[in-house]
Amino acid sequence: KEVERRRRHAINEAIDSLATIVPGCEAKTTNKGSIITQAVAYIHDLKNNEASNIEKWTLEKLLMDQALDDARNEAERAIR
């Protein structure tokens, strides 16, 4: 019984911790299932945002690399 009580306590503390970092969750007013469901949705949103940001930054880097190459080529032509 004590082992089970400690296990439940650890799970409840972890869920309460999730509730503090997931927007829209308040541990006191939201049930455990809702907290977990909202946490999963929040993690999916974060992953999608990360993928979008990586794509955007990759494109920006390509454009900056191209602009740098163009500037170098123009500088070389000006020297000649």
N, C-alpha and C. Protein backbone atom coordinates (compact mmCIF):
# COMPACT_ATOMS: atom_id res chain seq x y z
N LYS A 1 0.81 -1.21 0.00
CA LYS A 1 0.00 0.00 0.00
C LYS A 1 0.85 1.27 0.00
N GLU A 2 1.90 1.28 0.77
CA GLU A 2 2.77 2.46 0.85
C GLU A 2 3.43 2.74 -0.51
N VAL A 3 3.84 1.68 -1.19
CA VAL A 3 4.47 1.85 -2.50
C VAL A 3 3.47 2.47 -3.48
N GLU A 4 2.26 1.98 -3.45
CA GLU A 4 1.21 2.51 -4.34
C GLU A 4 0.91 3.97 -4.00
N ARG A 5 0.86 4.29 -2.73
CA ARG A 5 0.59 5.67 -2.31
C ARG A 5 1.70 6.61 -2.80
N ARG A 6 2.95 6.18 -2.69
CA ARG A 6 4.07 6.99 -3.17
C ARG A 6 4.03 7.15 -4.69
N ARG A 7 3.65 6.08 -5.37
CA ARG A 7 3.55 6.13 -6.83
C ARG A 7 2.48 7.14 -7.25
N ARG A 8 1.31 7.07 -6.61
CA ARG A 8 0.23 8.03 -6.92
C ARG A 8 0.65 9.46 -6.59
N HIS A 9 1.35 9.61 -5.48
CA HIS A 9 1.82 10.94 -5.08
C HIS A 9 2.78 11.51 -6.14
N ALA A 10 3.69 10.68 -6.62
CA ALA A 10 4.65 11.11 -7.65
C ALA A 10 3.93 11.49 -8.94
N ILE A 11 2.94 10.69 -9.32
CA ILE A 11 2.17 10.99 -10.53
C ILE A 11 1.41 12.31 -10.36
N ASN A 12 0.77 12.48 -9.21
CA ASN A 12 0.01 13.72 -8.97
C ASN A 12 0.92 14.94 -8.97
N GLU A 13 2.11 14.82 -8.38
CA GLU A 13 3.04 15.95 -8.40
C GLU A 13 3.50 16.28 -9.81
N ALA A 14 3.73 15.24 -10.62
CA ALA A 14 4.14 15.47 -12.01
C ALA A 14 3.02 16.16 -12.79
N ILE A 15 1.79 15.75 -12.57
CA ILE A 15 0.66 16.38 -13.25
C ILE A 15 0.51 17.83 -12.79
N ASP A 16 0.69 18.07 -11.49
CA ASP A 16 0.64 19.45 -11.00
C ASP A 16 1.74 20.30 -11.63
N SER A 17 2.92 19.72 -11.80
CA SER A 17 4.02 20.45 -12.45
C SER A 17 3.67 20.78 -13.90
N LEU A 18 3.08 19.81 -14.59
CA LEU A 18 2.63 20.07 -15.97
C LEU A 18 1.65 21.24 -16.00
N ALA A 19 0.73 21.24 -15.06
CA ALA A 19 -0.30 22.28 -15.03
C ALA A 19 0.32 23.66 -14.86
N THR A 20 1.46 23.75 -14.19
CA THR A 20 2.07 25.06 -13.98
C THR A 20 2.77 25.59 -15.22
N ILE A 21 3.14 24.71 -16.15
CA ILE A 21 3.87 25.18 -17.33
C ILE A 21 3.05 25.17 -18.61
N VAL A 22 1.91 24.51 -18.60
CA VAL A 22 1.06 24.46 -19.79
C VAL A 22 0.05 25.61 -19.72
N PRO A 23 0.06 26.49 -20.72
CA PRO A 23 -0.88 27.61 -20.71
C PRO A 23 -2.33 27.12 -20.64
N GLY A 24 -3.12 27.79 -19.82
CA GLY A 24 -4.53 27.47 -19.72
C GLY A 24 -4.86 26.40 -18.70
N CYS A 25 -3.86 25.86 -18.04
CA CYS A 25 -4.10 24.83 -17.02
C CYS A 25 -3.92 25.44 -15.63
N GLU A 26 -4.91 25.20 -14.79
CA GLU A 26 -4.75 25.52 -13.37
C GLU A 26 -5.00 24.24 -12.61
N ALA A 27 -3.99 23.77 -11.90
CA ALA A 27 -4.06 22.47 -11.23
C ALA A 27 -5.25 22.36 -10.30
N LYS A 28 -5.66 23.46 -9.70
CA LYS A 28 -6.75 23.40 -8.72
C LYS A 28 -8.12 23.22 -9.39
N THR A 29 -8.27 23.73 -10.60
CA THR A 29 -9.59 23.70 -11.22
C THR A 29 -9.69 22.75 -12.41
N THR A 30 -8.58 22.21 -12.85
CA THR A 30 -8.58 21.34 -14.03
C THR A 30 -8.29 19.92 -13.60
N ASN A 31 -9.05 18.96 -14.16
CA ASN A 31 -8.80 17.57 -13.77
C ASN A 31 -7.56 17.01 -14.46
N LYS A 32 -7.07 15.90 -13.93
CA LYS A 32 -5.81 15.32 -14.41
C LYS A 32 -5.86 14.99 -15.89
N GLY A 33 -6.95 14.41 -16.33
CA GLY A 33 -7.08 14.05 -17.75
C GLY A 33 -7.00 15.26 -18.65
N SER A 34 -7.65 16.34 -18.26
CA SER A 34 -7.61 17.57 -19.05
C SER A 34 -6.21 18.17 -19.08
N ILE A 35 -5.53 18.11 -17.94
CA ILE A 35 -4.16 18.64 -17.89
C ILE A 35 -3.28 17.88 -18.86
N ILE A 36 -3.38 16.55 -18.84
CA ILE A 36 -2.55 15.73 -19.74
C ILE A 36 -2.92 15.99 -21.19
N THR A 37 -4.22 16.07 -21.48
CA THR A 37 -4.67 16.34 -22.85
C THR A 37 -4.16 17.69 -23.34
N GLN A 38 -4.27 18.71 -22.49
CA GLN A 38 -3.78 20.04 -22.87
C GLN A 38 -2.27 20.05 -23.02
N ALA A 39 -1.58 19.29 -22.19
CA ALA A 39 -0.11 19.20 -22.29
C ALA A 39 0.29 18.58 -23.62
N VAL A 40 -0.40 17.53 -24.02
CA VAL A 40 -0.10 16.88 -25.31
C VAL A 40 -0.34 17.87 -26.46
N ALA A 41 -1.45 18.58 -26.42
CA ALA A 41 -1.74 19.56 -27.47
C ALA A 41 -0.68 20.66 -27.49
N TYR A 42 -0.27 21.11 -26.32
CA TYR A 42 0.75 22.16 -26.22
C TYR A 42 2.09 21.68 -26.78
N ILE A 43 2.46 20.45 -26.48
CA ILE A 43 3.71 19.88 -27.01
C ILE A 43 3.65 19.77 -28.53
N HIS A 44 2.50 19.35 -29.05
CA HIS A 44 2.34 19.30 -30.52
C HIS A 44 2.50 20.69 -31.12
N ASP A 45 1.89 21.69 -30.50
CA ASP A 45 2.03 23.07 -31.00
C ASP A 45 3.49 23.51 -30.98
N LEU A 46 4.19 23.20 -29.89
CA LEU A 46 5.60 23.57 -29.79
C LEU A 46 6.42 22.91 -30.89
N LYS A 47 6.15 21.63 -31.14
CA LYS A 47 6.89 20.92 -32.18
C LYS A 47 6.60 21.51 -33.56
N ASN A 48 5.34 21.85 -33.81
CA ASN A 48 4.99 22.46 -35.10
C ASN A 48 5.66 23.82 -35.26
N ASN A 49 5.66 24.61 -34.18
CA ASN A 49 6.33 25.92 -34.23
C ASN A 49 7.82 25.76 -34.46
N GLU A 50 8.41 24.76 -33.82
CA GLU A 50 9.84 24.51 -34.00
C GLU A 50 10.13 24.16 -35.46
N ALA A 51 9.31 23.30 -36.04
CA ALA A 51 9.52 22.91 -37.44
C ALA A 51 9.37 24.12 -38.36
N SER A 52 8.38 24.96 -38.10
CA SER A 52 8.20 26.17 -38.91
C SER A 52 9.38 27.11 -38.77
N ASN A 53 9.86 27.28 -37.54
CA ASN A 53 11.01 28.16 -37.32
C ASN A 53 12.26 27.63 -38.00
N ILE A 54 12.48 26.33 -37.93
CA ILE A 54 13.65 25.74 -38.59
C ILE A 54 13.57 25.97 -40.10
N GLU A 55 12.39 25.77 -40.66
CA GLU A 55 12.20 25.99 -42.10
C GLU A 55 12.46 27.46 -42.46
N LYS A 56 11.91 28.36 -41.65
CA LYS A 56 12.09 29.79 -41.89
C LYS A 56 13.56 30.19 -41.78
N TRP A 57 14.23 29.72 -40.74
CA TRP A 57 15.64 30.07 -40.54
C TRP A 57 16.53 29.46 -41.62
N THR A 58 16.18 28.28 -42.09
CA THR A 58 16.94 27.66 -43.17
C THR A 58 16.83 28.51 -44.43
N LEU A 59 15.62 28.94 -44.74
CA LEU A 59 15.42 29.80 -45.92
C LEU A 59 16.16 31.13 -45.75
N GLU A 60 16.06 31.72 -44.56
CA GLU A 60 16.76 32.98 -44.32
C GLU A 60 18.27 32.81 -44.47
N LYS A 61 18.80 31.70 -43.99
CA LYS A 61 20.23 31.44 -44.11
C LYS A 61 20.62 31.31 -45.57
N LEU A 62 19.83 30.59 -46.35
CA LEU A 62 20.12 30.45 -47.78
C LEU A 62 20.12 31.81 -48.47
N LEU A 63 19.14 32.64 -48.14
CA LEU A 63 19.08 33.97 -48.74
C LEU A 63 20.27 34.83 -48.32
N MET A 64 20.65 34.75 -47.06
CA MET A 64 21.81 35.51 -46.58
C MET A 64 23.10 35.01 -47.22
N ASP A 65 23.23 33.70 -47.35
CA ASP A 65 24.42 33.14 -48.02
C ASP A 65 24.50 33.62 -49.46
N GLN A 66 23.35 33.64 -50.14
CA GLN A 66 23.32 34.11 -51.53
C GLN A 66 23.69 35.59 -51.61
N ALA A 67 23.15 36.38 -50.69
CA ALA A 67 23.46 37.81 -50.68
C ALA A 67 24.95 38.03 -50.40
N LEU A 68 25.50 37.24 -49.50
CA LEU A 68 26.93 37.35 -49.20
C LEU A 68 27.78 36.97 -50.41
N ASP A 69 27.40 35.89 -51.09
CA ASP A 69 28.12 35.50 -52.31
C ASP A 69 28.04 36.59 -53.37
N ASP A 70 26.85 37.17 -53.53
CA ASP A 70 26.69 38.25 -54.51
C ASP A 70 27.58 39.44 -54.15
N ALA A 71 27.62 39.79 -52.88
CA ALA A 71 28.45 40.92 -52.44
C ALA A 71 29.93 40.63 -52.66
N ARG A 72 30.35 39.41 -52.39
CA ARG A 72 31.75 39.04 -52.62
C ARG A 72 32.10 39.12 -54.10
N ASN A 73 31.21 38.57 -54.92
CA ASN A 73 31.45 38.60 -56.37
C ASN A 73 31.53 40.04 -56.88
N GLU A 74 30.65 40.88 -56.39
CA GLU A 74 30.66 42.28 -56.81
C GLU A 74 31.95 42.97 -56.35
N ALA A 75 32.39 42.67 -55.14
CA ALA A 75 33.64 43.25 -54.63
C ALA A 75 34.83 42.79 -55.46
N GLU A 76 34.84 41.53 -55.85
CA GLU A 76 35.93 41.00 -56.69
C GLU A 76 35.93 41.68 -58.06
N ARG A 77 34.75 41.88 -58.63
CA ARG A 77 34.66 42.55 -59.93
C ARG A 77 35.14 44.00 -59.82
N ALA A 78 34.85 44.64 -58.72
CA ALA A 78 35.26 46.04 -58.53
C ALA A 78 36.77 46.15 -58.39
N ILE A 79 37.39 45.14 -57.82
CA ILE A 79 38.85 45.16 -57.64
C ILE A 79 39.55 44.99 -58.97
N ARG A 80 39.01 44.21 -59.87
CA ARG A 80 39.65 43.91 -61.16
C ARG A 80 39.60 45.05 -62.10
